[in-house]
Protein backbone atom coordinates (compact mmCIF):
# COMPACT_ATOMS: atom_id res chain seq x y z
CA MET A 1 216.09 72.29 147.72
CA PRO A 2 219.30 73.29 145.85
CA SER A 3 221.95 70.70 145.97
CA THR A 4 225.04 72.10 144.40
CA ALA A 5 226.93 75.15 145.14
CA GLN A 6 225.98 76.78 141.69
CA GLU A 7 222.25 76.05 142.37
CA ILE A 8 222.57 77.57 146.00
CA TYR A 9 224.19 80.70 144.53
CA ASP A 10 221.74 81.19 141.71
CA GLN A 11 218.80 80.64 143.78
CA LEU A 12 219.80 82.36 147.17
CA ILE A 13 222.95 84.01 147.14
CA ARG A 14 222.90 86.29 143.85
CA ALA A 15 219.71 87.92 145.30
CA LEU A 16 221.51 89.26 148.19
CA PRO A 17 222.77 92.85 148.34
CA PRO A 18 226.77 93.03 147.65
CA THR A 19 227.40 93.73 151.43
CA GLU A 20 225.53 90.62 152.37
CA ARG A 21 227.38 88.51 149.89
CA LEU A 22 230.70 89.67 150.89
CA ARG A 23 229.62 89.11 154.77
CA LEU A 24 228.90 85.44 153.66
CA ALA A 25 232.05 84.94 151.85
CA THR A 26 233.93 86.33 154.74
CA LEU A 27 232.15 83.68 156.96
CA ILE A 28 232.67 80.93 154.82
CA LEU A 29 236.35 81.61 154.29
CA ASN A 30 236.97 82.22 158.11
CA GLU A 31 235.38 79.00 158.94
CA LEU A 32 237.37 77.20 156.36
CA VAL A 33 240.67 78.54 157.67
CA GLN A 34 239.58 77.62 161.38
CA GLN A 35 238.77 74.29 160.43
CA ASN A 36 241.63 73.16 158.50
CA SER A 37 244.55 75.53 158.10
CA SER A 38 246.47 72.80 156.15
CA ILE A 39 244.48 73.15 152.86
CA ILE A 40 245.75 76.50 152.43
CA ASP A 41 248.99 76.52 150.37
CA GLN A 42 251.23 78.93 152.05
CA GLN A 43 254.28 78.76 149.74
CA ASP A 44 255.90 81.72 148.41
CA ASP A 45 256.95 79.94 145.40
CA TRP A 46 255.16 80.76 142.15
CA THR A 47 254.68 77.73 139.81
CA GLU A 48 254.94 78.23 135.93
CA GLN A 49 251.21 77.82 135.94
CA ASP A 50 250.70 80.65 138.52
CA GLN A 51 252.97 82.92 136.46
CA THR A 52 251.07 81.95 133.15
CA ASP A 53 247.83 82.86 134.94
CA VAL A 54 248.85 86.19 136.44
CA VAL A 55 250.39 87.09 132.89
CA SER A 56 247.14 85.96 131.21
CA PHE A 57 244.87 87.93 133.62
CA SER A 58 247.04 91.09 133.41
CA LEU A 59 246.88 91.18 129.57
CA GLN A 60 243.11 90.53 129.53
CA TYR A 61 242.57 93.43 132.25
CA ALA A 62 244.89 95.92 130.30
CA ALA A 63 243.00 94.86 127.06
CA SER A 64 239.57 95.87 128.85
CA LEU A 65 241.25 99.01 129.88
CA PHE A 66 242.44 99.96 126.56
CA PRO A 67 240.33 98.30 124.01
CA ASP A 68 241.27 100.73 121.19
CA GLU A 69 244.99 100.67 121.65
CA GLU A 70 247.06 98.95 119.06
CA VAL A 71 249.33 96.33 120.29
CA VAL A 72 252.97 96.47 119.06
């Protein structure tokens, strides 16, 4: 029996078709929201780390779209 989330994912979830994995994710997230909405940070403020993360992701994504482009 798998004992960690990674083991459960590797042994059970990964084999499911994408639609079933999305359905499972939806079930999990909906239950978490119903159980304890206080764990969800609903602030509109962006921390410096949030801004750094989004810039980093955006640059990585752009680089994957245009891998042969020269950066100026």
